Amino acid sequence: MTTTEKPASPSGTRRATPWWRRPWVFPLGLIVTVFLVYSLPPYLGLDPAESRIPAPDGVGWYYPVLVTHIGFATVAMVTCSLQIWPWLRQKHPAVHRRTGRVYVFAGAIPASIAGLAIAVAAPFGPVGAVSNVLLATLWFGCTVQGYRMARARRFADHRRWMIRSFVLCMSIISNRIWAIVWSVVLPGQLDTTFGGSELALGQAIAGLTTWTGWVIPFLIAQWWLDRGRRRATV
């Protein structure tokens, strides 16, 4: 037997869960806002010298594509935060649909394509490059599949794919947390594991940061989705 849904209102529509029953909504919005306020200023002046990510030598297209990626990713983070807000989805479905289209076509898809390009040329070593290529590919794929499911009116599948897309979109935040962790843990091994090479140490930190930044949240999200599906069939 399946679990019962929340009782419907007298009009026959499903009652929306009050915003205060979703304790993660405000913290998520706050975290995204703080992250963007901190991350965006160096790129607003379009000055390559202010970039926190150094452009590889001889790759003139890298900085413009990086700025393009950051711009579209900013749109993706803001609209994605709105998309998973239950109140907006339930009370204003038309706004939810329009915001979703913005997320897909002016956020996630162009940001992931630009991210794929800069991942290949980024100066962080092959381990980080492989991770970022895979991240960009999965973000693109999950977003497109989520949009296709919405168009097919398969809304349960749409929700699952867009949760995956959301996790990959927001992995840039957990990426920063893991960067701090590895920057604390690994430098003590500079003279042993890395033979005194600061370049090798830097690439190891970058590689581990990008892998743990998106793989761990993605696996947790998939576990949560699978758990919810199992409970729904009990």
Protein backbone atom coordinates (compact mmCIF):
# COMPACT_ATOMS: atom_id res chain seq x y z
CA MET A 1 0.00 0.00 0.00
CA THR A 2 1.14 3.55 -0.53
CA THR A 3 1.49 6.32 1.99
CA THR A 4 -1.29 8.84 2.18
CA GLU A 5 -0.84 12.36 0.93
CA LYS A 6 -1.49 15.49 2.94
CA PRO A 7 -5.19 16.24 3.29
CA ALA A 8 -6.69 18.47 0.66
CA SER A 9 -8.36 21.75 1.33
CA PRO A 10 -12.16 22.08 0.96
CA SER A 11 -11.64 23.34 -2.57
CA GLY A 12 -9.99 20.07 -3.47
CA THR A 13 -6.49 21.46 -3.86
CA ARG A 14 -3.55 20.24 -1.84
CA ARG A 15 -2.76 22.51 1.09
CA ALA A 16 0.59 24.25 0.89
CA THR A 17 3.01 23.64 3.71
CA PRO A 18 3.61 26.92 5.59
CA TRP A 19 7.06 28.39 4.99
CA TRP A 20 8.02 28.02 8.66
CA ARG A 21 7.55 24.25 8.31
CA ARG A 22 10.43 24.29 5.81
CA PRO A 23 13.32 25.37 8.06
CA TRP A 24 15.90 25.11 5.28
CA VAL A 25 14.34 27.79 3.04
CA PHE A 26 15.71 30.87 4.79
CA PRO A 27 19.19 29.43 5.53
CA LEU A 28 19.55 28.38 1.89
CA GLY A 29 18.64 31.85 0.65
CA LEU A 30 21.04 33.42 3.14
CA ILE A 31 23.91 31.11 2.19
CA VAL A 32 23.43 31.74 -1.53
CA THR A 33 23.26 35.50 -0.96
CA VAL A 34 26.42 35.56 1.16
CA PHE A 35 28.25 33.37 -1.33
CA LEU A 36 27.36 35.60 -4.28
CA VAL A 37 28.16 38.82 -2.42
CA TYR A 38 31.60 37.42 -1.64
CA SER A 39 32.30 35.74 -4.99
CA LEU A 40 31.02 38.16 -7.63
CA PRO A 41 32.82 41.50 -6.99
CA PRO A 42 36.20 40.50 -8.50
CA TYR A 43 34.48 39.79 -11.83
CA LEU A 44 32.12 42.76 -12.05
CA GLY A 45 34.83 45.04 -13.43
CA LEU A 46 35.79 42.49 -16.12
CA ASP A 47 39.46 42.86 -15.13
CA PRO A 48 41.42 39.60 -15.57
CA ALA A 49 43.91 40.78 -12.95
CA GLU A 50 41.15 40.61 -10.30
CA SER A 51 40.17 37.03 -11.11
CA ARG A 52 40.52 34.52 -8.29
CA ILE A 53 41.24 31.83 -10.89
CA PRO A 54 44.40 32.55 -12.91
CA ALA A 55 44.07 32.17 -16.66
CA PRO A 56 46.38 29.56 -18.21
CA ASP A 57 49.21 30.98 -20.32
CA GLY A 58 48.33 31.34 -23.98
CA VAL A 59 44.60 30.70 -23.53
CA GLY A 60 43.10 34.07 -24.41
CA TRP A 61 39.51 32.85 -24.42
CA TYR A 62 39.67 31.48 -20.87
CA TYR A 63 38.76 34.64 -18.92
CA PRO A 64 35.77 35.67 -21.11
CA VAL A 65 34.36 32.15 -20.90
CA LEU A 66 35.00 32.09 -17.15
CA VAL A 67 33.05 35.33 -16.71
CA THR A 68 30.28 33.93 -18.93
CA HIS A 69 30.12 30.82 -16.76
CA ILE A 70 29.99 32.88 -13.57
CA GLY A 71 27.21 35.09 -14.94
CA PHE A 72 24.96 32.25 -16.01
CA ALA A 73 25.76 30.26 -12.86
CA THR A 74 24.65 33.24 -10.76
CA VAL A 75 21.30 33.21 -12.54
CA ALA A 76 21.12 29.45 -11.98
CA MET A 77 21.80 29.70 -8.24
CA VAL A 78 19.19 32.39 -7.67
CA THR A 79 16.44 30.81 -9.76
CA CYS A 80 17.20 27.31 -8.48
CA SER A 81 16.74 28.53 -4.91
CA LEU A 82 13.32 29.84 -5.91
CA GLN A 83 12.43 26.63 -7.75
CA ILE A 84 12.71 24.39 -4.71
CA TRP A 85 10.76 26.80 -2.49
CA PRO A 86 7.55 24.81 -1.81
CA TRP A 87 5.42 27.91 -1.12
CA LEU A 88 6.23 29.43 -4.51
CA ARG A 89 5.67 26.14 -6.31
CA GLN A 90 2.32 25.48 -4.65
CA LYS A 91 0.88 29.00 -4.44
CA HIS A 92 2.22 30.45 -7.69
CA PRO A 93 2.72 27.61 -10.18
CA ALA A 94 2.91 30.00 -13.15
CA VAL A 95 5.82 31.85 -11.54
CA HIS A 96 7.42 28.49 -10.76
CA ARG A 97 7.20 27.47 -14.41
CA ARG A 98 8.61 30.75 -15.70
CA THR A 99 11.42 30.74 -13.17
CA GLY A 100 12.15 27.16 -14.14
CA ARG A 101 12.58 28.12 -17.78
CA VAL A 102 14.97 30.89 -16.75
CA TYR A 103 16.92 28.38 -14.65
CA VAL A 104 17.18 25.94 -17.54
CA PHE A 105 17.83 28.23 -20.51
CA ALA A 106 19.49 31.28 -18.93
CA GLY A 107 21.22 29.50 -16.10
CA ALA A 108 22.10 25.83 -15.94
CA ILE A 109 22.49 24.93 -19.62
CA PRO A 110 24.75 27.84 -20.70
CA ALA A 111 26.62 27.76 -17.37
CA SER A 112 27.35 24.03 -17.69
CA ILE A 113 28.50 24.40 -21.31
CA ALA A 114 30.84 27.26 -20.38
CA GLY A 115 31.94 25.29 -17.32
CA LEU A 116 32.86 22.35 -19.52
CA ALA A 117 35.09 24.58 -21.62
CA ILE A 118 36.95 26.14 -18.70
CA ALA A 119 37.25 22.77 -16.95
CA VAL A 120 39.36 21.43 -19.81
CA ALA A 121 41.76 24.39 -19.70
CA ALA A 122 41.76 25.17 -15.96
CA PRO A 123 45.23 25.31 -14.36
CA PHE A 124 44.44 22.85 -11.57
CA GLY A 125 45.80 19.61 -12.99
CA PRO A 126 44.20 16.61 -14.70
CA VAL A 127 42.45 15.23 -11.60
CA GLY A 128 40.51 18.45 -11.08
CA ALA A 129 39.88 18.77 -14.82
CA VAL A 130 38.26 15.32 -15.04
CA SER A 131 36.05 16.07 -12.05
CA ASN A 132 34.89 19.41 -13.43
CA VAL A 133 34.21 17.95 -16.87
CA LEU A 134 32.08 15.23 -15.30
CA LEU A 135 30.32 17.76 -13.06
CA ALA A 136 29.46 20.03 -15.99
CA THR A 137 28.25 17.08 -18.06
CA LEU A 138 26.03 15.73 -15.29
CA TRP A 139 24.62 19.16 -14.51
CA PHE A 140 23.71 19.64 -18.15
CA GLY A 141 22.23 16.15 -18.44
CA CYS A 142 20.18 16.27 -15.23
CA THR A 143 18.80 19.70 -16.11
CA VAL A 144 17.78 18.71 -19.64
CA GLN A 145 16.20 15.49 -18.39
CA GLY A 146 14.31 17.39 -15.69
CA TYR A 147 12.95 19.80 -18.31
CA ARG A 148 11.94 16.93 -20.59
CA MET A 149 10.05 15.25 -17.73
CA ALA A 150 8.17 18.49 -17.02
CA ARG A 151 7.23 18.81 -20.68
CA ALA A 152 5.97 15.23 -20.59
CA ARG A 153 4.00 16.08 -17.42
CA ARG A 154 5.85 13.39 -15.50
CA PHE A 155 6.17 15.66 -12.50
CA ALA A 156 7.45 13.09 -10.00
CA ASP A 157 10.36 12.27 -12.30
CA HIS A 158 10.79 15.99 -13.04
CA ARG A 159 11.21 16.67 -9.33
CA ARG A 160 13.81 13.94 -8.91
CA TRP A 161 15.93 15.13 -11.84
CA MET A 162 15.72 18.76 -10.78
CA ILE A 163 16.80 17.89 -7.24
CA ARG A 164 19.91 16.33 -8.78
CA SER A 165 20.40 19.44 -10.90
CA PHE A 166 19.98 21.62 -7.81
CA VAL A 167 22.62 19.68 -5.88
CA LEU A 168 25.11 19.96 -8.73
CA CYS A 169 24.35 23.67 -9.10
CA MET A 170 24.96 24.33 -5.41
CA SER A 171 28.04 22.12 -5.20
CA ILE A 172 30.13 25.24 -5.77
CA ILE A 173 29.32 26.17 -2.15
CA SER A 174 30.29 22.81 -0.65
CA ASN A 175 33.35 22.99 -2.89
CA ARG A 176 34.53 26.02 -0.90
CA ILE A 177 34.03 24.18 2.38
CA TRP A 178 36.10 21.22 1.21
CA ALA A 179 38.79 23.59 -0.06
CA ILE A 180 39.27 24.77 3.52
CA VAL A 181 39.37 21.19 4.81
CA TRP A 182 42.02 20.01 2.35
CA SER A 183 44.02 23.21 2.73
CA VAL A 184 44.30 22.41 6.44
CA VAL A 185 44.89 18.67 6.14
CA LEU A 186 47.37 18.34 3.26
CA PRO A 187 50.10 21.02 3.71
CA GLY A 188 51.66 18.98 6.52
CA GLN A 189 52.53 16.35 3.88
CA LEU A 190 54.37 18.79 1.60
CA ASP A 191 57.82 17.35 2.27
CA THR A 192 56.71 13.72 2.34
CA THR A 193 53.78 12.86 0.08
CA PHE A 194 54.47 15.71 -2.36
CA GLY A 195 58.28 15.69 -2.27
CA GLY A 196 58.42 19.39 -1.47
CA SER A 197 56.52 20.36 -4.64
CA GLU A 198 54.05 23.14 -3.94
CA LEU A 199 52.63 22.66 -7.45
CA ALA A 200 51.80 19.02 -6.70
CA LEU A 201 50.29 20.02 -3.36
CA GLY A 202 48.15 22.72 -4.98
CA GLN A 203 46.88 20.35 -7.65
CA ALA A 204 46.09 17.70 -5.04
CA ILE A 205 44.08 20.20 -2.99
CA ALA A 206 42.23 21.40 -6.10
CA GLY A 207 41.52 17.85 -7.29
CA LEU A 208 40.26 16.56 -3.96
CA THR A 209 38.24 19.74 -3.42
CA THR A 210 36.35 19.50 -6.68
CA TRP A 211 35.66 15.76 -6.37
CA THR A 212 34.42 15.88 -2.78
CA GLY A 213 32.61 19.16 -3.45
CA TRP A 214 30.03 17.59 -5.77
CA VAL A 215 30.28 13.80 -5.40
CA ILE A 216 29.42 13.67 -1.69
CA PRO A 217 26.33 15.96 -1.94
CA PHE A 218 25.21 14.11 -5.09
CA LEU A 219 25.42 10.72 -3.37
CA ILE A 220 23.56 12.05 -0.32
CA ALA A 221 20.82 13.45 -2.57
CA GLN A 222 20.50 10.17 -4.43
CA TRP A 223 20.28 8.27 -1.14
CA TRP A 224 17.55 10.66 0.03
CA LEU A 225 15.61 10.25 -3.23
CA ASP A 226 15.87 6.46 -3.09
CA ARG A 227 14.82 6.46 0.56
CA GLY A 228 11.77 8.58 -0.25
CA ARG A 229 10.78 6.25 -3.09
CA ARG A 230 11.08 3.18 -0.85
CA ARG A 231 8.96 4.80 1.87
CA ALA A 232 6.29 5.73 -0.68
CA THR A 233 5.83 2.06 -1.61
CA VAL A 234 5.50 0.77 1.96
